[in-house]
Amino acid sequence: MTDQLDTTKLRELAEKLPREDFAVWTSNSWRRVYIGHMPAIEPCVHRYDNHPDLLFAEGVSAYLQAVGPKPILALLDRLEAAERERNGLRAARIAYASEFPLDVEGLPDVGSIHANIRKLKAALAEIADQDAVEMALDPAWAQRIAISALAQREEGK
């Protein structure tokens, strides 16, 4: 027995059953149901009227009535939706991480975002300190900013 959930097998089994929940009925059945090596459902005969019946281990009857094809299929639908969401988030994370240079271990250096933000704030502070009229009248100012930005980009490579 494996601890891994085989959702394909579980879905196949649930889809073969009618789309109704289980109900436990007693009859003349002498079959036994076991959980591992422990009996879960055992046949018996009432001592007053000799009618056959079933004795359930604690919680087994409620469990059998609660678990049926509809709940199993709903559970599998939720699991598949969660896996799709996880895969989408993983793809987004990989796409986001690809924007960063690699660190010494070959992984995206997402920590460099803070250095990039500090550089941008410094550049914005420099721009804010300039007189707008002077900047507009000085064509070399835009060229200095562009050269500075290119130099910073080259440093990051």
N, C-alpha and C. Protein backbone atom coordinates (compact mmCIF):
# COMPACT_ATOMS: atom_id res chain seq x y z
N MET A 1 0.85 -1.18 0.00
CA MET A 1 0.00 0.00 0.00
C MET A 1 0.89 1.24 0.00
N THR A 2 0.54 2.20 -0.77
CA THR A 2 1.33 3.43 -0.86
C THR A 2 0.60 4.58 -0.18
N ASP A 3 1.36 5.55 0.33
CA ASP A 3 0.75 6.72 0.95
C ASP A 3 0.34 7.75 -0.09
N GLN A 4 0.76 7.56 -1.33
CA GLN A 4 0.49 8.52 -2.39
C GLN A 4 -0.95 8.35 -2.88
N LEU A 5 -1.61 9.46 -3.12
CA LEU A 5 -2.99 9.45 -3.60
C LEU A 5 -2.99 9.26 -5.11
N ASP A 6 -3.57 8.16 -5.57
CA ASP A 6 -3.67 7.89 -7.00
C ASP A 6 -5.01 8.46 -7.48
N THR A 7 -4.98 9.74 -7.87
CA THR A 7 -6.23 10.41 -8.23
C THR A 7 -6.85 9.84 -9.50
N THR A 8 -6.03 9.35 -10.42
CA THR A 8 -6.57 8.77 -11.65
C THR A 8 -7.38 7.52 -11.32
N LYS A 9 -6.82 6.65 -10.51
CA LYS A 9 -7.51 5.41 -10.11
C LYS A 9 -8.76 5.74 -9.30
N LEU A 10 -8.64 6.71 -8.39
CA LEU A 10 -9.78 7.11 -7.57
C LEU A 10 -10.91 7.66 -8.42
N ARG A 11 -10.57 8.48 -9.41
CA ARG A 11 -11.59 9.03 -10.30
C ARG A 11 -12.25 7.91 -11.11
N GLU A 12 -11.45 6.99 -11.64
CA GLU A 12 -12.01 5.88 -12.43
C GLU A 12 -13.01 5.08 -11.60
N LEU A 13 -12.64 4.77 -10.36
CA LEU A 13 -13.53 3.99 -9.49
C LEU A 13 -14.81 4.77 -9.17
N ALA A 14 -14.67 6.06 -8.86
CA ALA A 14 -15.84 6.87 -8.50
C ALA A 14 -16.76 7.07 -9.69
N GLU A 15 -16.19 7.23 -10.90
CA GLU A 15 -17.03 7.46 -12.08
C GLU A 15 -17.78 6.21 -12.51
N LYS A 16 -17.33 5.02 -12.10
CA LYS A 16 -18.04 3.79 -12.44
C LYS A 16 -19.29 3.59 -11.58
N LEU A 17 -19.37 4.32 -10.48
CA LEU A 17 -20.50 4.18 -9.56
C LEU A 17 -21.62 5.14 -9.94
N PRO A 18 -22.85 4.82 -9.52
CA PRO A 18 -23.95 5.77 -9.75
C PRO A 18 -23.66 7.08 -9.02
N ARG A 19 -24.20 8.17 -9.51
CA ARG A 19 -23.95 9.49 -8.92
C ARG A 19 -24.86 9.71 -7.70
N GLU A 20 -24.80 8.80 -6.78
CA GLU A 20 -25.58 8.88 -5.54
C GLU A 20 -24.64 8.62 -4.37
N ASP A 21 -25.02 9.11 -3.18
CA ASP A 21 -24.22 8.85 -2.00
C ASP A 21 -24.53 7.46 -1.46
N PHE A 22 -23.58 6.89 -0.74
CA PHE A 22 -23.80 5.58 -0.14
C PHE A 22 -24.81 5.68 1.00
N ALA A 23 -25.57 4.63 1.16
CA ALA A 23 -26.42 4.45 2.33
C ALA A 23 -26.19 3.02 2.79
N VAL A 24 -26.12 2.83 4.08
CA VAL A 24 -25.86 1.48 4.59
C VAL A 24 -27.19 0.83 4.91
N TRP A 25 -27.41 -0.33 4.27
CA TRP A 25 -28.62 -1.11 4.49
C TRP A 25 -28.20 -2.49 4.99
N THR A 26 -28.96 -3.02 5.90
CA THR A 26 -28.68 -4.38 6.35
C THR A 26 -29.63 -5.33 5.65
N SER A 27 -29.13 -6.54 5.43
CA SER A 27 -29.95 -7.56 4.78
C SER A 27 -29.44 -8.91 5.22
N ASN A 28 -29.66 -9.92 4.42
CA ASN A 28 -29.21 -11.28 4.75
C ASN A 28 -27.78 -11.54 4.32
N SER A 29 -27.00 -10.52 4.13
CA SER A 29 -25.63 -10.67 3.68
C SER A 29 -24.75 -11.14 4.84
N TRP A 30 -23.88 -12.10 4.54
CA TRP A 30 -22.93 -12.58 5.54
C TRP A 30 -21.51 -12.17 5.16
N ARG A 31 -21.40 -11.23 4.27
CA ARG A 31 -20.08 -10.76 3.87
C ARG A 31 -19.47 -9.93 4.98
N ARG A 32 -18.16 -9.87 5.02
CA ARG A 32 -17.45 -9.07 6.00
C ARG A 32 -16.60 -8.03 5.29
N VAL A 33 -16.45 -6.88 5.91
CA VAL A 33 -15.59 -5.82 5.39
C VAL A 33 -14.50 -5.58 6.43
N TYR A 34 -13.28 -5.55 5.94
CA TYR A 34 -12.14 -5.35 6.83
C TYR A 34 -11.42 -4.05 6.48
N ILE A 35 -10.81 -3.43 7.50
CA ILE A 35 -9.89 -2.32 7.31
C ILE A 35 -8.55 -2.84 7.78
N GLY A 36 -7.68 -3.08 6.83
CA GLY A 36 -6.43 -3.76 7.18
C GLY A 36 -6.77 -5.16 7.67
N HIS A 37 -6.35 -5.46 8.89
CA HIS A 37 -6.65 -6.77 9.48
C HIS A 37 -7.75 -6.69 10.53
N MET A 38 -8.38 -5.54 10.63
CA MET A 38 -9.42 -5.33 11.64
C MET A 38 -10.80 -5.34 10.96
N PRO A 39 -11.76 -6.07 11.53
CA PRO A 39 -13.09 -6.07 10.93
C PRO A 39 -13.77 -4.71 11.10
N ALA A 40 -14.35 -4.23 10.01
CA ALA A 40 -15.08 -2.97 10.05
C ALA A 40 -16.59 -3.24 10.08
N ILE A 41 -17.01 -4.28 9.35
CA ILE A 41 -18.41 -4.66 9.31
C ILE A 41 -18.48 -6.18 9.45
N GLU A 42 -19.24 -6.63 10.43
CA GLU A 42 -19.35 -8.07 10.67
C GLU A 42 -20.82 -8.49 10.67
N PRO A 43 -21.08 -9.66 10.13
CA PRO A 43 -22.46 -10.16 10.16
C PRO A 43 -22.82 -10.66 11.56
N CYS A 44 -24.08 -10.59 11.87
CA CYS A 44 -24.56 -11.14 13.14
C CYS A 44 -26.02 -11.57 12.98
N VAL A 45 -26.53 -12.27 13.95
CA VAL A 45 -27.94 -12.67 13.98
C VAL A 45 -28.52 -12.15 15.29
N HIS A 46 -29.66 -11.46 15.17
CA HIS A 46 -30.32 -10.98 16.39
C HIS A 46 -30.77 -12.19 17.21
N ARG A 47 -30.47 -12.16 18.49
CA ARG A 47 -30.79 -13.35 19.30
C ARG A 47 -32.28 -13.45 19.64
N TYR A 48 -33.03 -12.33 19.44
CA TYR A 48 -34.45 -12.38 19.76
C TYR A 48 -35.29 -12.89 18.60
N ASP A 49 -34.91 -12.53 17.37
CA ASP A 49 -35.74 -12.93 16.23
C ASP A 49 -34.96 -13.69 15.16
N ASN A 50 -33.69 -13.95 15.37
CA ASN A 50 -32.81 -14.67 14.44
C ASN A 50 -32.69 -14.01 13.07
N HIS A 51 -32.93 -12.71 12.99
CA HIS A 51 -32.75 -11.99 11.73
C HIS A 51 -31.28 -11.58 11.58
N PRO A 52 -30.76 -11.71 10.39
CA PRO A 52 -29.36 -11.31 10.18
C PRO A 52 -29.22 -9.79 10.20
N ASP A 53 -28.06 -9.36 10.58
CA ASP A 53 -27.77 -7.93 10.62
C ASP A 53 -26.26 -7.74 10.46
N LEU A 54 -25.83 -6.51 10.50
CA LEU A 54 -24.41 -6.18 10.41
C LEU A 54 -24.01 -5.34 11.62
N LEU A 55 -22.87 -5.63 12.18
CA LEU A 55 -22.31 -4.82 13.25
C LEU A 55 -21.18 -3.99 12.66
N PHE A 56 -21.21 -2.68 12.90
CA PHE A 56 -20.20 -1.79 12.36
C PHE A 56 -19.24 -1.37 13.46
N ALA A 57 -17.97 -1.33 13.12
CA ALA A 57 -16.99 -0.74 14.03
C ALA A 57 -17.32 0.74 14.17
N GLU A 58 -16.85 1.35 15.23
CA GLU A 58 -17.18 2.74 15.51
C GLU A 58 -16.81 3.66 14.34
N GLY A 59 -17.75 4.45 13.87
CA GLY A 59 -17.53 5.43 12.82
C GLY A 59 -17.61 4.90 11.41
N VAL A 60 -17.64 3.59 11.22
CA VAL A 60 -17.61 3.02 9.88
C VAL A 60 -18.90 3.32 9.11
N SER A 61 -20.05 3.16 9.78
CA SER A 61 -21.33 3.41 9.10
C SER A 61 -21.42 4.85 8.62
N ALA A 62 -21.07 5.80 9.49
CA ALA A 62 -21.13 7.22 9.12
C ALA A 62 -20.14 7.52 7.98
N TYR A 63 -18.98 6.89 8.05
CA TYR A 63 -17.98 7.12 7.00
C TYR A 63 -18.49 6.62 5.65
N LEU A 64 -19.03 5.41 5.62
CA LEU A 64 -19.53 4.85 4.37
C LEU A 64 -20.68 5.67 3.80
N GLN A 65 -21.50 6.24 4.67
CA GLN A 65 -22.61 7.05 4.19
C GLN A 65 -22.15 8.42 3.69
N ALA A 66 -21.02 8.91 4.23
CA ALA A 66 -20.52 10.23 3.84
C ALA A 66 -19.66 10.20 2.59
N VAL A 67 -19.02 9.08 2.33
CA VAL A 67 -18.10 8.99 1.19
C VAL A 67 -18.80 8.26 0.06
N GLY A 68 -18.96 8.96 -1.03
CA GLY A 68 -19.58 8.39 -2.21
C GLY A 68 -18.98 9.03 -3.44
N PRO A 69 -19.49 8.71 -4.61
CA PRO A 69 -18.93 9.26 -5.84
C PRO A 69 -18.98 10.79 -5.90
N LYS A 70 -20.07 11.40 -5.45
CA LYS A 70 -20.16 12.87 -5.53
C LYS A 70 -19.10 13.57 -4.69
N PRO A 71 -18.93 13.20 -3.40
CA PRO A 71 -17.88 13.86 -2.63
C PRO A 71 -16.47 13.57 -3.16
N ILE A 72 -16.24 12.35 -3.61
CA ILE A 72 -14.91 12.00 -4.13
C ILE A 72 -14.62 12.82 -5.39
N LEU A 73 -15.59 12.92 -6.29
CA LEU A 73 -15.38 13.71 -7.51
C LEU A 73 -15.19 15.19 -7.18
N ALA A 74 -15.93 15.69 -6.18
CA ALA A 74 -15.75 17.09 -5.77
C ALA A 74 -14.35 17.30 -5.19
N LEU A 75 -13.89 16.35 -4.41
CA LEU A 75 -12.54 16.43 -3.84
C LEU A 75 -11.49 16.42 -4.94
N LEU A 76 -11.66 15.55 -5.91
CA LEU A 76 -10.71 15.48 -7.02
C LEU A 76 -10.74 16.76 -7.86
N ASP A 77 -11.92 17.34 -8.05
CA ASP A 77 -12.02 18.61 -8.78
C ASP A 77 -11.27 19.72 -8.05
N ARG A 78 -11.42 19.76 -6.72
CA ARG A 78 -10.69 20.76 -5.92
C ARG A 78 -9.19 20.54 -6.01
N LEU A 79 -8.77 19.29 -5.94
CA LEU A 79 -7.35 18.98 -6.01
C LEU A 79 -6.77 19.39 -7.37
N GLU A 80 -7.49 19.08 -8.44
CA GLU A 80 -7.01 19.46 -9.78
C GLU A 80 -6.96 20.97 -9.94
N ALA A 81 -7.94 21.69 -9.39
CA ALA A 81 -7.94 23.16 -9.47
C ALA A 81 -6.75 23.73 -8.69
N ALA A 82 -6.47 23.15 -7.52
CA ALA A 82 -5.34 23.61 -6.72
C ALA A 82 -4.02 23.35 -7.45
N GLU A 83 -3.92 22.20 -8.11
CA GLU A 83 -2.69 21.89 -8.87
C GLU A 83 -2.52 22.84 -10.05
N ARG A 84 -3.63 23.18 -10.73
CA ARG A 84 -3.54 24.15 -11.83
C ARG A 84 -3.10 25.52 -11.32
N GLU A 85 -3.66 25.94 -10.19
CA GLU A 85 -3.28 27.23 -9.61
C GLU A 85 -1.81 27.22 -9.20
N ARG A 86 -1.37 26.13 -8.57
CA ARG A 86 0.03 26.01 -8.16
C ARG A 86 0.96 26.08 -9.37
N ASN A 87 0.60 25.37 -10.43
CA ASN A 87 1.44 25.38 -11.63
C ASN A 87 1.49 26.77 -12.26
N GLY A 88 0.37 27.49 -12.23
CA GLY A 88 0.35 28.86 -12.75
C GLY A 88 1.22 29.78 -11.92
N LEU A 89 1.13 29.63 -10.59
CA LEU A 89 1.96 30.46 -9.71
C LEU A 89 3.44 30.13 -9.89
N ARG A 90 3.74 28.86 -10.07
CA ARG A 90 5.14 28.45 -10.29
C ARG A 90 5.66 29.06 -11.59
N ALA A 91 4.85 29.03 -12.64
CA ALA A 91 5.26 29.61 -13.93
C ALA A 91 5.46 31.12 -13.80
N ALA A 92 4.57 31.78 -13.05
CA ALA A 92 4.71 33.23 -12.85
C ALA A 92 5.97 33.54 -12.06
N ARG A 93 6.26 32.72 -11.05
CA ARG A 93 7.47 32.94 -10.25
C ARG A 93 8.72 32.77 -11.10
N ILE A 94 8.72 31.76 -11.96
CA ILE A 94 9.87 31.52 -12.83
C ILE A 94 10.03 32.68 -13.81
N ALA A 95 8.91 33.15 -14.37
CA ALA A 95 8.98 34.27 -15.31
C ALA A 95 9.48 35.53 -14.60
N TYR A 96 9.01 35.77 -13.38
CA TYR A 96 9.45 36.93 -12.62
C TYR A 96 10.94 36.82 -12.29
N ALA A 97 11.37 35.63 -11.86
CA ALA A 97 12.76 35.44 -11.47
C ALA A 97 13.71 35.57 -12.66
N SER A 98 13.22 35.30 -13.86
CA SER A 98 14.09 35.38 -15.03
C SER A 98 14.50 36.82 -15.34
N GLU A 99 13.84 37.78 -14.71
CA GLU A 99 14.18 39.19 -14.91
C GLU A 99 15.45 39.59 -14.17
N PHE A 100 15.94 38.74 -13.26
CA PHE A 100 17.08 39.08 -12.42
C PHE A 100 18.34 38.36 -12.87
N PRO A 101 19.50 38.98 -12.65
CA PRO A 101 20.76 38.29 -12.98
C PRO A 101 20.95 37.10 -12.04
N LEU A 102 21.77 36.14 -12.45
CA LEU A 102 22.01 34.95 -11.64
C LEU A 102 23.02 35.25 -10.55
N ASP A 103 22.84 34.60 -9.40
CA ASP A 103 23.80 34.75 -8.32
C ASP A 103 24.92 33.73 -8.48
N VAL A 104 25.79 33.60 -7.49
CA VAL A 104 26.94 32.69 -7.60
C VAL A 104 26.51 31.23 -7.67
N GLU A 105 25.31 30.90 -7.20
CA GLU A 105 24.80 29.53 -7.25
C GLU A 105 24.03 29.26 -8.53
N GLY A 106 23.92 30.25 -9.39
CA GLY A 106 23.19 30.07 -10.64
C GLY A 106 21.70 30.28 -10.52
N LEU A 107 21.25 30.80 -9.37
CA LEU A 107 19.82 31.07 -9.16
C LEU A 107 19.55 32.55 -9.37
N PRO A 108 18.31 32.92 -9.71
CA PRO A 108 17.99 34.34 -9.88
C PRO A 108 18.27 35.12 -8.60
N ASP A 109 19.02 36.18 -8.72
CA ASP A 109 19.38 37.01 -7.57
C ASP A 109 18.29 38.04 -7.33
N VAL A 110 17.18 37.58 -6.73
CA VAL A 110 16.05 38.48 -6.51
C VAL A 110 16.39 39.53 -5.45
N GLY A 111 17.45 39.31 -4.69
CA GLY A 111 17.89 40.30 -3.72
C GLY A 111 18.41 41.56 -4.38
N SER A 112 18.82 41.46 -5.64
CA SER A 112 19.35 42.63 -6.34
C SER A 112 18.26 43.65 -6.62
N ILE A 113 17.02 43.29 -6.43
CA ILE A 113 15.94 44.25 -6.67
C ILE A 113 16.09 45.45 -5.75
N HIS A 114 16.56 45.20 -4.52
CA HIS A 114 16.72 46.31 -3.58
C HIS A 114 17.81 47.28 -4.04
N ALA A 115 18.89 46.74 -4.57
CA ALA A 115 19.95 47.60 -5.10
C ALA A 115 19.42 48.40 -6.28
N ASN A 116 18.63 47.76 -7.13
CA ASN A 116 18.06 48.46 -8.28
C ASN A 116 17.13 49.59 -7.84
N ILE A 117 16.34 49.32 -6.81
CA ILE A 117 15.42 50.35 -6.31
C ILE A 117 16.21 51.52 -5.73
N ARG A 118 17.30 51.23 -4.99
CA ARG A 118 18.12 52.31 -4.43
C ARG A 118 18.71 53.17 -5.54
N LYS A 119 19.19 52.52 -6.62
CA LYS A 119 19.75 53.28 -7.75
C LYS A 119 18.69 54.17 -8.39
N LEU A 120 17.49 53.64 -8.57
CA LEU A 120 16.41 54.43 -9.18
C LEU A 120 16.02 55.60 -8.29
N LYS A 121 15.98 55.36 -6.97
CA LYS A 121 15.64 56.45 -6.05
C LYS A 121 16.70 57.55 -6.10
N ALA A 122 17.97 57.16 -6.20
CA ALA A 122 19.05 58.14 -6.29
C ALA A 122 18.92 58.95 -7.58
N ALA A 123 18.61 58.27 -8.67
CA ALA A 123 18.44 58.98 -9.95
C ALA A 123 17.26 59.94 -9.88
N LEU A 124 16.16 59.49 -9.26
CA LEU A 124 14.99 60.36 -9.12
C LEU A 124 15.31 61.56 -8.23
N ALA A 125 16.09 61.33 -7.18
CA ALA A 125 16.48 62.45 -6.30
C ALA A 125 17.31 63.47 -7.06
N GLU A 126 18.21 62.97 -7.92
CA GLU A 126 19.03 63.86 -8.74
C GLU A 126 18.15 64.70 -9.66
N ILE A 127 17.17 64.05 -10.26
CA ILE A 127 16.26 64.77 -11.16
C ILE A 127 15.45 65.80 -10.38
N ALA A 128 14.98 65.40 -9.18
CA ALA A 128 14.15 66.30 -8.37
C ALA A 128 14.93 67.53 -7.92
N ASP A 129 16.25 67.36 -7.73
CA ASP A 129 17.08 68.49 -7.29
C ASP A 129 17.33 69.50 -8.41
N GLN A 130 17.12 69.12 -9.63
CA GLN A 130 17.38 70.01 -10.77
C GLN A 130 16.23 70.99 -10.94
N ASP A 131 16.58 72.13 -11.43
CA ASP A 131 15.58 73.15 -11.76
C ASP A 131 14.94 72.75 -13.09
N ALA A 132 13.62 72.65 -13.12
CA ALA A 132 12.92 72.18 -14.31
C ALA A 132 13.20 73.07 -15.52
N VAL A 133 13.27 74.35 -15.32
CA VAL A 133 13.52 75.27 -16.43
C VAL A 133 14.93 75.07 -16.96
N GLU A 134 15.89 74.90 -16.02
CA GLU A 134 17.28 74.69 -16.43
C GLU A 134 17.42 73.38 -17.20
N MET A 135 16.73 72.33 -16.73
CA MET A 135 16.79 71.04 -17.42
C MET A 135 16.22 71.16 -18.82
N ALA A 136 15.13 71.89 -18.95
CA ALA A 136 14.48 72.03 -20.25
C ALA A 136 15.35 72.81 -21.23
N LEU A 137 16.11 73.74 -20.71
CA LEU A 137 16.95 74.57 -21.57
C LEU A 137 18.31 73.94 -21.86
N ASP A 138 18.70 72.93 -21.10
CA ASP A 138 20.02 72.31 -21.26
C ASP A 138 19.87 70.97 -21.97
N PRO A 139 20.12 70.90 -23.29
CA PRO A 139 19.97 69.63 -24.02
C PRO A 139 20.99 68.59 -23.56
N ALA A 140 22.08 68.99 -23.01
CA ALA A 140 23.10 68.03 -22.56
C ALA A 140 22.64 67.27 -21.31
N TRP A 141 21.68 67.85 -20.56
CA TRP A 141 21.20 67.20 -19.34
C TRP A 141 20.59 65.84 -19.65
N ALA A 142 19.74 65.74 -20.63
CA ALA A 142 19.10 64.47 -21.01
C ALA A 142 20.16 63.47 -21.45
N GLN A 143 21.18 63.96 -22.16
CA GLN A 143 22.26 63.08 -22.63
C GLN A 143 23.05 62.54 -21.43
N ARG A 144 23.31 63.37 -20.42
CA ARG A 144 24.02 62.91 -19.22
C ARG A 144 23.23 61.84 -18.48
N ILE A 145 21.93 62.03 -18.37
CA ILE A 145 21.07 61.05 -17.70
C ILE A 145 21.09 59.72 -18.46
N ALA A 146 20.99 59.78 -19.78
CA ALA A 146 20.99 58.56 -20.61
C ALA A 146 22.32 57.83 -20.47
N ILE A 147 23.44 58.56 -20.52
CA ILE A 147 24.77 57.94 -20.38
C ILE A 147 24.90 57.30 -19.01
N SER A 148 24.42 57.98 -17.97
CA SER A 148 24.48 57.44 -16.60
C SER A 148 23.66 56.15 -16.49
N ALA A 149 22.47 56.15 -17.09
CA ALA A 149 21.61 54.96 -17.05
C ALA A 149 22.26 53.79 -17.77
N LEU A 150 22.88 54.06 -18.93
CA LEU A 150 23.56 52.99 -19.68
C LEU A 150 24.74 52.44 -18.89
N ALA A 151 25.47 53.30 -18.21
CA ALA A 151 26.62 52.87 -17.41
C ALA A 151 26.16 51.98 -16.26
N GLN A 152 25.07 52.37 -15.61
CA GLN A 152 24.54 51.56 -14.51
C GLN A 152 24.06 50.20 -15.02
N ARG A 153 23.47 50.18 -16.19
CA ARG A 153 23.00 48.92 -16.77
C ARG A 153 24.17 48.00 -17.06
N GLU A 154 25.26 48.55 -17.58
CA GLU A 154 26.45 47.76 -17.90
C GLU A 154 27.12 47.21 -16.63
N GLU A 155 27.06 47.98 -15.52
CA GLU A 155 27.60 47.53 -14.25
C GLU A 155 26.86 46.30 -13.74
N GLY A 156 25.56 46.26 -14.00
CA GLY A 156 24.74 45.17 -13.52
C GLY A 156 24.92 43.87 -14.27
N LYS A 157 25.55 43.92 -15.46
CA LYS A 157 25.71 42.70 -16.27
C LYS A 157 26.88 41.89 -15.82
